[in-house]
């Protein structure tokens, strides 16, 4: 039962992400999302109270997925070389980003949206990503993998 519920939630999130990427947050409607997901209106409301909640869930899931792909570099004896581990981290993050065109469209197109509420939500997403990068740089400094630098500035440069 839980698997079916998870699958249905996934179906709604995937459809919502595509709809938000195609139409933008304000132009997208719950009708658009339920049509794209192929579900009934009541089914949508079993999982989300409204459009805001499903949008937040899309962004929260993206942060969670990114966090799962970033693995702390292991500097213990016998561990793979740190550079190799860093490259694997970067590859996992880039694979995730490039595999999900709808998410990237949503983040890039709506990060500069004139709507302050949507722009603030997307900015919060990028704030979380910045924190993850900065934390990784600080860790790299602490174990001697990164040259002396300003982690905040480096994170901003990496994020672009």
N, C-alpha and C. Protein backbone atom coordinates (compact mmCIF):
# COMPACT_ATOMS: atom_id res chain seq x y z
N UNK A 1 0.83 -1.21 0.00
CA UNK A 1 0.00 0.00 0.00
C UNK A 1 0.87 1.26 0.00
N UNK A 2 1.93 1.25 0.82
CA UNK A 2 2.81 2.42 0.89
C UNK A 2 3.52 2.63 -0.44
N UNK A 3 3.89 1.53 -1.12
CA UNK A 3 4.55 1.66 -2.42
C UNK A 3 3.63 2.32 -3.43
N UNK A 4 2.38 1.93 -3.44
CA UNK A 4 1.41 2.53 -4.37
C UNK A 4 1.22 4.01 -4.07
N UNK A 5 1.18 4.33 -2.80
CA UNK A 5 1.04 5.72 -2.38
C UNK A 5 2.27 6.53 -2.80
N UNK A 6 3.46 5.97 -2.61
CA UNK A 6 4.68 6.65 -3.03
C UNK A 6 4.71 6.84 -4.55
N UNK A 7 4.26 5.83 -5.28
CA UNK A 7 4.23 5.93 -6.74
C UNK A 7 3.27 7.03 -7.20
N UNK A 8 2.13 7.13 -6.55
CA UNK A 8 1.15 8.15 -6.91
C UNK A 8 1.69 9.54 -6.61
N UNK A 9 2.33 9.69 -5.46
CA UNK A 9 2.93 10.98 -5.10
C UNK A 9 4.00 11.36 -6.11
N UNK A 10 4.82 10.38 -6.49
CA UNK A 10 5.87 10.59 -7.49
C UNK A 10 5.26 11.04 -8.82
N UNK A 11 4.17 10.41 -9.20
CA UNK A 11 3.46 10.74 -10.44
C UNK A 11 3.00 12.20 -10.41
N UNK A 12 2.45 12.63 -9.30
CA UNK A 12 1.98 14.01 -9.18
C UNK A 12 3.15 14.99 -9.20
N UNK A 13 4.22 14.68 -8.46
CA UNK A 13 5.39 15.57 -8.43
C UNK A 13 6.01 15.71 -9.82
N UNK A 14 6.16 14.60 -10.53
CA UNK A 14 6.75 14.66 -11.87
C UNK A 14 5.89 15.49 -12.82
N UNK A 15 4.59 15.29 -12.75
CA UNK A 15 3.68 16.07 -13.60
C UNK A 15 3.73 17.55 -13.23
N UNK A 16 3.72 17.84 -11.94
CA UNK A 16 3.75 19.24 -11.50
C UNK A 16 5.03 19.91 -11.95
N UNK A 17 6.14 19.22 -11.83
CA UNK A 17 7.42 19.79 -12.24
C UNK A 17 7.39 20.15 -13.72
N UNK A 18 6.87 19.25 -14.55
CA UNK A 18 6.78 19.52 -15.99
C UNK A 18 5.86 20.71 -16.28
N UNK A 19 4.72 20.74 -15.60
CA UNK A 19 3.76 21.82 -15.81
C UNK A 19 4.34 23.16 -15.37
N UNK A 20 4.98 23.19 -14.20
CA UNK A 20 5.60 24.44 -13.73
C UNK A 20 6.71 24.89 -14.68
N UNK A 21 7.48 23.95 -15.19
CA UNK A 21 8.55 24.30 -16.13
C UNK A 21 7.97 24.86 -17.43
N UNK A 22 6.89 24.27 -17.90
CA UNK A 22 6.29 24.70 -19.17
C UNK A 22 5.52 26.02 -19.05
N UNK A 23 4.76 26.16 -17.97
CA UNK A 23 3.84 27.29 -17.87
C UNK A 23 4.25 28.36 -16.87
N UNK A 24 5.15 28.02 -15.97
CA UNK A 24 5.45 28.93 -14.88
C UNK A 24 4.49 28.68 -13.74
N UNK A 25 4.88 29.11 -12.55
CA UNK A 25 4.08 28.83 -11.37
C UNK A 25 2.67 29.41 -11.47
N UNK A 26 2.56 30.69 -11.80
CA UNK A 26 1.23 31.33 -11.77
C UNK A 26 0.33 30.92 -12.92
N UNK A 27 0.91 30.62 -14.06
CA UNK A 27 0.10 30.19 -15.19
C UNK A 27 -0.35 28.74 -15.06
N UNK A 28 0.39 27.97 -14.30
CA UNK A 28 0.03 26.57 -14.07
C UNK A 28 -1.17 26.50 -13.13
N UNK A 29 -2.03 25.55 -13.40
CA UNK A 29 -3.19 25.36 -12.54
C UNK A 29 -3.21 23.93 -12.02
N UNK A 30 -3.98 23.71 -11.00
CA UNK A 30 -4.15 22.35 -10.50
C UNK A 30 -4.76 21.49 -11.59
N UNK A 31 -5.67 22.05 -12.39
CA UNK A 31 -6.24 21.30 -13.52
C UNK A 31 -5.14 20.83 -14.48
N UNK A 32 -4.17 21.69 -14.75
CA UNK A 32 -3.06 21.31 -15.62
C UNK A 32 -2.27 20.15 -15.02
N UNK A 33 -2.04 20.22 -13.71
CA UNK A 33 -1.26 19.19 -13.04
C UNK A 33 -2.00 17.86 -13.03
N UNK A 34 -3.27 17.89 -12.71
CA UNK A 34 -4.02 16.62 -12.67
C UNK A 34 -4.18 16.02 -14.07
N UNK A 35 -4.29 16.88 -15.08
CA UNK A 35 -4.36 16.38 -16.46
C UNK A 35 -3.04 15.73 -16.86
N UNK A 36 -1.93 16.38 -16.52
CA UNK A 36 -0.61 15.84 -16.86
C UNK A 36 -0.33 14.55 -16.10
N UNK A 37 -0.84 14.45 -14.88
CA UNK A 37 -0.62 13.25 -14.06
C UNK A 37 -1.62 12.15 -14.38
N UNK A 38 -2.72 12.51 -15.04
CA UNK A 38 -3.74 11.53 -15.36
C UNK A 38 -4.48 11.02 -14.14
N UNK A 39 -4.78 11.95 -13.23
CA UNK A 39 -5.46 11.58 -11.98
C UNK A 39 -6.71 12.43 -11.80
N UNK A 40 -7.52 12.05 -10.83
CA UNK A 40 -8.71 12.82 -10.48
C UNK A 40 -8.32 13.95 -9.51
N UNK A 41 -9.15 14.98 -9.49
CA UNK A 41 -8.90 16.12 -8.61
C UNK A 41 -8.79 15.68 -7.14
N UNK A 42 -9.67 14.80 -6.71
CA UNK A 42 -9.64 14.33 -5.33
C UNK A 42 -8.33 13.62 -4.99
N UNK A 43 -7.79 12.91 -5.96
CA UNK A 43 -6.51 12.23 -5.74
C UNK A 43 -5.41 13.25 -5.48
N UNK A 44 -5.40 14.33 -6.26
CA UNK A 44 -4.40 15.38 -6.04
C UNK A 44 -4.47 15.87 -4.59
N UNK A 45 -5.70 16.15 -4.12
CA UNK A 45 -5.87 16.72 -2.78
C UNK A 45 -5.60 15.72 -1.66
N UNK A 46 -5.55 14.44 -1.97
CA UNK A 46 -5.14 13.46 -0.97
C UNK A 46 -3.65 13.62 -0.64
N UNK A 47 -2.90 14.16 -1.59
CA UNK A 47 -1.46 14.27 -1.44
C UNK A 47 -0.97 15.69 -1.16
N UNK A 48 -1.66 16.67 -1.69
CA UNK A 48 -1.23 18.06 -1.55
C UNK A 48 -2.44 18.96 -1.34
N UNK A 49 -2.32 19.94 -0.41
CA UNK A 49 -3.45 20.84 -0.18
C UNK A 49 -3.63 21.88 -1.29
N UNK A 50 -2.63 22.07 -2.12
CA UNK A 50 -2.75 23.06 -3.19
C UNK A 50 -1.48 23.16 -4.02
N UNK A 51 -1.50 24.10 -4.93
CA UNK A 51 -0.40 24.30 -5.86
C UNK A 51 0.88 24.71 -5.14
N UNK A 52 0.78 25.58 -4.14
CA UNK A 52 1.95 26.01 -3.37
C UNK A 52 2.66 24.81 -2.75
N UNK A 53 1.88 23.91 -2.18
CA UNK A 53 2.46 22.75 -1.48
C UNK A 53 3.19 21.83 -2.44
N UNK A 54 2.65 21.61 -3.62
CA UNK A 54 3.31 20.72 -4.57
C UNK A 54 4.57 21.40 -5.12
N UNK A 55 4.54 22.71 -5.29
CA UNK A 55 5.73 23.44 -5.74
C UNK A 55 6.83 23.33 -4.69
N UNK A 56 6.48 23.53 -3.42
CA UNK A 56 7.45 23.39 -2.33
C UNK A 56 8.01 21.98 -2.29
N UNK A 57 7.15 20.99 -2.51
CA UNK A 57 7.61 19.59 -2.48
C UNK A 57 8.60 19.31 -3.61
N UNK A 58 8.39 19.90 -4.77
CA UNK A 58 9.32 19.74 -5.89
C UNK A 58 10.69 20.29 -5.50
N UNK A 59 10.72 21.49 -4.93
CA UNK A 59 11.99 22.10 -4.52
C UNK A 59 12.64 21.33 -3.37
N UNK A 60 11.84 20.91 -2.39
CA UNK A 60 12.39 20.14 -1.26
C UNK A 60 13.00 18.83 -1.73
N UNK A 61 12.34 18.19 -2.67
CA UNK A 61 12.85 16.93 -3.20
C UNK A 61 14.17 17.15 -3.95
N UNK A 62 14.27 18.22 -4.68
CA UNK A 62 15.51 18.52 -5.42
C UNK A 62 16.66 18.72 -4.44
N UNK A 63 16.44 19.43 -3.35
CA UNK A 63 17.48 19.62 -2.33
C UNK A 63 17.87 18.27 -1.73
N UNK A 64 16.88 17.48 -1.38
CA UNK A 64 17.16 16.16 -0.80
C UNK A 64 17.97 15.30 -1.77
N UNK A 65 17.57 15.30 -3.04
CA UNK A 65 18.27 14.51 -4.04
C UNK A 65 19.71 14.98 -4.21
N UNK A 66 19.93 16.27 -4.19
CA UNK A 66 21.29 16.80 -4.29
C UNK A 66 22.13 16.38 -3.08
N UNK A 67 21.55 16.50 -1.90
CA UNK A 67 22.27 16.12 -0.68
C UNK A 67 22.68 14.64 -0.73
N UNK A 68 21.81 13.79 -1.26
CA UNK A 68 22.12 12.36 -1.34
C UNK A 68 23.28 12.08 -2.29
N UNK A 69 23.48 12.93 -3.26
CA UNK A 69 24.53 12.71 -4.25
C UNK A 69 25.89 13.22 -3.81
N UNK A 70 25.91 14.05 -2.80
CA UNK A 70 27.17 14.60 -2.32
C UNK A 70 27.63 13.79 -1.12
N UNK A 71 28.77 13.12 -1.30
CA UNK A 71 29.30 12.24 -0.28
C UNK A 71 30.57 12.87 0.29
N UNK A 72 30.69 12.86 1.60
CA UNK A 72 31.88 13.43 2.25
C UNK A 72 33.12 12.67 1.79
N UNK A 73 34.15 13.43 1.47
CA UNK A 73 35.40 12.84 1.04
C UNK A 73 36.04 12.11 2.22
N UNK A 74 36.42 10.88 1.96
CA UNK A 74 37.04 10.03 2.98
C UNK A 74 38.56 10.13 2.82
N UNK A 75 39.24 10.62 3.84
CA UNK A 75 40.69 10.77 3.79
C UNK A 75 41.40 9.70 4.61
N UNK A 76 40.67 8.66 5.01
CA UNK A 76 41.29 7.61 5.82
C UNK A 76 42.17 6.72 4.95
N UNK A 77 43.11 6.04 5.58
CA UNK A 77 43.99 5.14 4.82
C UNK A 77 43.18 4.09 4.05
N UNK A 78 43.58 3.85 2.82
CA UNK A 78 42.89 2.86 1.99
C UNK A 78 41.72 3.40 1.20
N UNK A 79 41.29 4.63 1.49
CA UNK A 79 40.18 5.24 0.74
C UNK A 79 40.69 5.65 -0.64
N UNK A 80 39.80 5.73 -1.62
CA UNK A 80 40.22 6.21 -2.94
C UNK A 80 40.82 7.62 -2.81
N UNK A 81 41.64 8.02 -3.77
CA UNK A 81 42.23 9.36 -3.71
C UNK A 81 41.14 10.43 -3.61
N UNK A 82 41.38 11.46 -2.80
CA UNK A 82 40.37 12.52 -2.61
C UNK A 82 39.92 13.15 -3.93
N UNK A 83 40.84 13.38 -4.85
CA UNK A 83 40.47 13.99 -6.12
C UNK A 83 39.44 13.11 -6.86
N UNK A 84 39.66 11.80 -6.83
CA UNK A 84 38.72 10.87 -7.47
C UNK A 84 37.34 10.96 -6.82
N UNK A 85 37.33 11.04 -5.49
CA UNK A 85 36.06 11.15 -4.77
C UNK A 85 35.35 12.46 -5.11
N UNK A 86 36.11 13.55 -5.20
CA UNK A 86 35.52 14.85 -5.56
C UNK A 86 34.94 14.80 -6.97
N UNK A 87 35.69 14.21 -7.89
CA UNK A 87 35.20 14.09 -9.27
C UNK A 87 33.91 13.28 -9.33
N UNK A 88 33.85 12.22 -8.53
CA UNK A 88 32.62 11.41 -8.48
C UNK A 88 31.45 12.21 -7.94
N UNK A 89 31.70 13.03 -6.92
CA UNK A 89 30.65 13.90 -6.39
C UNK A 89 30.13 14.84 -7.48
N UNK A 90 31.06 15.50 -8.15
CA UNK A 90 30.68 16.45 -9.21
C UNK A 90 29.91 15.72 -10.31
N UNK A 91 30.38 14.55 -10.71
CA UNK A 91 29.70 13.79 -11.77
C UNK A 91 28.27 13.42 -11.35
N UNK A 92 28.09 12.99 -10.09
CA UNK A 92 26.75 12.63 -9.62
C UNK A 92 25.81 13.83 -9.64
N UNK A 93 26.30 14.98 -9.20
CA UNK A 93 25.47 16.19 -9.18
C UNK A 93 25.13 16.62 -10.61
N UNK A 94 26.13 16.64 -11.49
CA UNK A 94 25.87 17.05 -12.87
C UNK A 94 24.94 16.08 -13.58
N UNK A 95 25.10 14.79 -13.35
CA UNK A 95 24.18 13.81 -13.94
C UNK A 95 22.75 14.11 -13.52
N UNK A 96 22.57 14.36 -12.24
CA UNK A 96 21.23 14.66 -11.72
C UNK A 96 20.65 15.91 -12.38
N UNK A 97 21.46 16.95 -12.44
CA UNK A 97 21.00 18.22 -12.98
C UNK A 97 20.64 18.09 -14.47
N UNK A 98 21.51 17.43 -15.23
CA UNK A 98 21.27 17.34 -16.67
C UNK A 98 20.22 16.32 -17.05
N UNK A 99 19.93 15.37 -16.18
CA UNK A 99 18.89 14.38 -16.46
C UNK A 99 17.49 14.94 -16.24
N UNK A 100 17.37 15.99 -15.48
CA UNK A 100 16.05 16.51 -15.13
C UNK A 100 15.85 17.89 -15.75
N UNK A 101 15.56 17.90 -17.04
CA UNK A 101 15.40 19.15 -17.78
C UNK A 101 14.28 20.02 -17.20
N UNK A 102 13.19 19.40 -16.77
CA UNK A 102 12.08 20.18 -16.22
C UNK A 102 12.52 20.93 -14.96
N UNK A 103 13.28 20.29 -14.09
CA UNK A 103 13.74 20.96 -12.88
C UNK A 103 14.65 22.13 -13.23
N UNK A 104 15.58 21.91 -14.14
CA UNK A 104 16.50 22.98 -14.52
C UNK A 104 15.74 24.14 -15.15
N UNK A 105 14.79 23.84 -16.01
CA UNK A 105 13.97 24.90 -16.63
C UNK A 105 13.23 25.67 -15.55
N UNK A 106 12.64 24.95 -14.63
CA UNK A 106 11.90 25.58 -13.54
C UNK A 106 12.81 26.50 -12.72
N UNK A 107 13.98 26.01 -12.36
CA UNK A 107 14.89 26.79 -11.52
C UNK A 107 15.50 27.98 -12.25
N UNK A 108 15.90 27.78 -13.48
CA UNK A 108 16.55 28.86 -14.21
C UNK A 108 15.55 29.89 -14.71
N UNK A 109 14.42 29.46 -15.18
CA UNK A 109 13.42 30.39 -15.72
C UNK A 109 12.73 31.16 -14.61
N UNK A 110 12.54 30.51 -13.48
CA UNK A 110 11.74 31.17 -12.44
C UNK A 110 12.59 31.79 -11.34
N UNK A 111 13.89 31.59 -11.42
CA UNK A 111 14.77 32.25 -10.47
C UNK A 111 14.81 33.75 -10.71
N UNK A 112 14.49 34.15 -11.95
CA UNK A 112 14.46 35.57 -12.29
C UNK A 112 13.03 36.03 -12.53
N UNK A 113 12.09 35.27 -12.02
CA UNK A 113 10.68 35.57 -12.23
C UNK A 113 10.31 36.91 -11.59
N UNK A 114 9.41 37.65 -12.24
CA UNK A 114 8.98 38.91 -11.66
C UNK A 114 8.14 38.71 -10.39
N UNK A 115 7.58 37.52 -10.23
CA UNK A 115 6.77 37.24 -9.06
C UNK A 115 7.68 37.05 -7.85
N UNK A 116 7.54 37.89 -6.87
CA UNK A 116 8.44 37.87 -5.72
C UNK A 116 8.33 36.60 -4.90
N UNK A 117 7.11 36.07 -4.76
CA UNK A 117 6.91 34.87 -3.95
C UNK A 117 7.61 33.66 -4.57
N UNK A 118 7.44 33.46 -5.87
CA UNK A 118 8.07 32.34 -6.55
C UNK A 118 9.58 32.54 -6.57
N UNK A 119 10.02 33.75 -6.88
CA UNK A 119 11.45 34.05 -6.91
C UNK A 119 12.08 33.80 -5.54
N UNK A 120 11.37 34.13 -4.47
CA UNK A 120 11.88 33.91 -3.12
C UNK A 120 12.03 32.42 -2.83
N UNK A 121 11.07 31.62 -3.29
CA UNK A 121 11.16 30.17 -3.08
C UNK A 121 12.35 29.58 -3.83
N UNK A 122 12.54 30.02 -5.06
CA UNK A 122 13.66 29.53 -5.85
C UNK A 122 14.98 30.03 -5.26
N UNK A 123 14.99 31.27 -4.80
CA UNK A 123 16.19 31.82 -4.16
C UNK A 123 16.54 31.01 -2.91
N UNK A 124 15.55 30.60 -2.18
CA UNK A 124 15.78 29.77 -0.99
C UNK A 124 16.42 28.44 -1.41
N UNK A 125 15.95 27.87 -2.50
CA UNK A 125 16.54 26.64 -3.03
C UNK A 125 18.03 26.85 -3.30
N UNK A 126 18.36 27.93 -4.02
CA UNK A 126 19.75 28.20 -4.34
C UNK A 126 20.56 28.52 -3.08
N UNK A 127 19.92 29.08 -2.06
CA UNK A 127 20.59 29.30 -0.78
C UNK A 127 21.02 27.99 -0.14
N UNK A 128 20.13 26.98 -0.22
CA UNK A 128 20.48 25.66 0.31
C UNK A 128 21.64 25.06 -0.47
N UNK A 129 21.62 25.19 -1.79
CA UNK A 129 22.71 24.65 -2.61
C UNK A 129 24.02 25.37 -2.26
N UNK A 130 23.96 26.69 -2.10
CA UNK A 130 25.14 27.46 -1.71
C UNK A 130 25.70 26.95 -0.39
N UNK A 131 24.83 26.70 0.58
CA UNK A 131 25.27 26.18 1.88
C UNK A 131 25.95 24.83 1.74
N UNK A 132 25.41 23.96 0.87
CA UNK A 132 26.03 22.65 0.68
C UNK A 132 27.44 22.80 0.10
N UNK A 133 27.58 23.67 -0.90
CA UNK A 133 28.88 23.88 -1.53
C UNK A 133 29.85 24.49 -0.52
N UNK A 134 29.40 25.51 0.20
CA UNK A 134 30.27 26.17 1.18
C UNK A 134 30.73 25.18 2.25
N UNK A 135 29.82 24.36 2.72
CA UNK A 135 30.17 23.36 3.72
C UNK A 135 31.22 22.39 3.18
N UNK A 136 31.07 21.99 1.93
CA UNK A 136 32.05 21.09 1.30
C UNK A 136 33.41 21.75 1.18
N UNK A 137 33.43 23.02 0.82
CA UNK A 137 34.70 23.74 0.69
C UNK A 137 35.36 23.86 2.07
N UNK A 138 34.56 24.18 3.09
CA UNK A 138 35.11 24.28 4.45
C UNK A 138 35.70 22.95 4.90
N UNK A 139 35.01 21.87 4.60
CA UNK A 139 35.54 20.55 4.95
C UNK A 139 36.85 20.30 4.19
N UNK A 140 36.86 20.63 2.90
CA UNK A 140 38.09 20.48 2.11
C UNK A 140 39.24 21.25 2.69
N UNK A 141 38.97 22.46 3.19
CA UNK A 141 40.01 23.26 3.86
C UNK A 141 40.50 22.56 5.13
N UNK A 142 39.57 22.03 5.89
CA UNK A 142 39.93 21.44 7.19
C UNK A 142 40.78 20.18 7.06
N UNK A 143 40.66 19.47 5.93
CA UNK A 143 41.45 18.25 5.75
C UNK A 143 42.59 18.45 4.75
N UNK A 144 42.81 19.70 4.35
CA UNK A 144 43.93 20.02 3.49
C UNK A 144 43.76 19.68 2.02
N UNK A 145 42.51 19.52 1.56
CA UNK A 145 42.26 19.21 0.15
C UNK A 145 42.06 20.45 -0.71
N UNK A 146 41.82 21.57 -0.05
CA UNK A 146 41.51 22.81 -0.77
C UNK A 146 42.53 23.87 -0.35
N UNK A 147 42.99 24.62 -1.32
CA UNK A 147 43.91 25.73 -1.03
C UNK A 147 43.19 26.77 -0.17
N UNK A 148 43.93 27.54 0.61
CA UNK A 148 43.30 28.59 1.42
C UNK A 148 42.46 29.52 0.53
N UNK A 149 41.24 29.74 0.97
CA UNK A 149 40.31 30.57 0.20
C UNK A 149 39.18 31.02 1.12
N UNK A 150 38.31 31.85 0.57
CA UNK A 150 37.10 32.27 1.27
C UNK A 150 35.98 31.32 0.83
N UNK A 151 35.55 30.37 1.68
CA UNK A 151 34.55 29.40 1.27
C UNK A 151 33.23 30.00 0.77
N UNK A 152 32.83 31.12 1.35
CA UNK A 152 31.59 31.76 0.92
C UNK A 152 31.72 32.26 -0.51
N UNK A 153 32.83 32.90 -0.79
CA UNK A 153 33.08 33.43 -2.13
C UNK A 153 33.24 32.30 -3.16
N UNK A 154 33.95 31.27 -2.79
CA UNK A 154 34.13 30.12 -3.69
C UNK A 154 32.80 29.46 -3.98
N UNK A 155 31.97 29.29 -2.96
CA UNK A 155 30.65 28.68 -3.18
C UNK A 155 29.81 29.52 -4.13
N UNK A 156 29.86 30.82 -3.96
CA UNK A 156 29.12 31.70 -4.86
C UNK A 156 29.62 31.59 -6.29
N UNK A 157 30.94 31.49 -6.45
CA UNK A 157 31.52 31.37 -7.78
C UNK A 157 31.15 30.04 -8.43
N UNK A 158 31.18 28.97 -7.66
CA UNK A 158 30.82 27.65 -8.20
C UNK A 158 29.36 27.63 -8.59
N UNK A 159 28.51 28.19 -7.76
CA UNK A 159 27.07 28.19 -8.04
C UNK A 159 26.75 29.08 -9.22
N UNK A 160 27.56 30.14 -9.39
CA UNK A 160 27.38 31.01 -10.55
C UNK A 160 26.35 32.05 -10.33
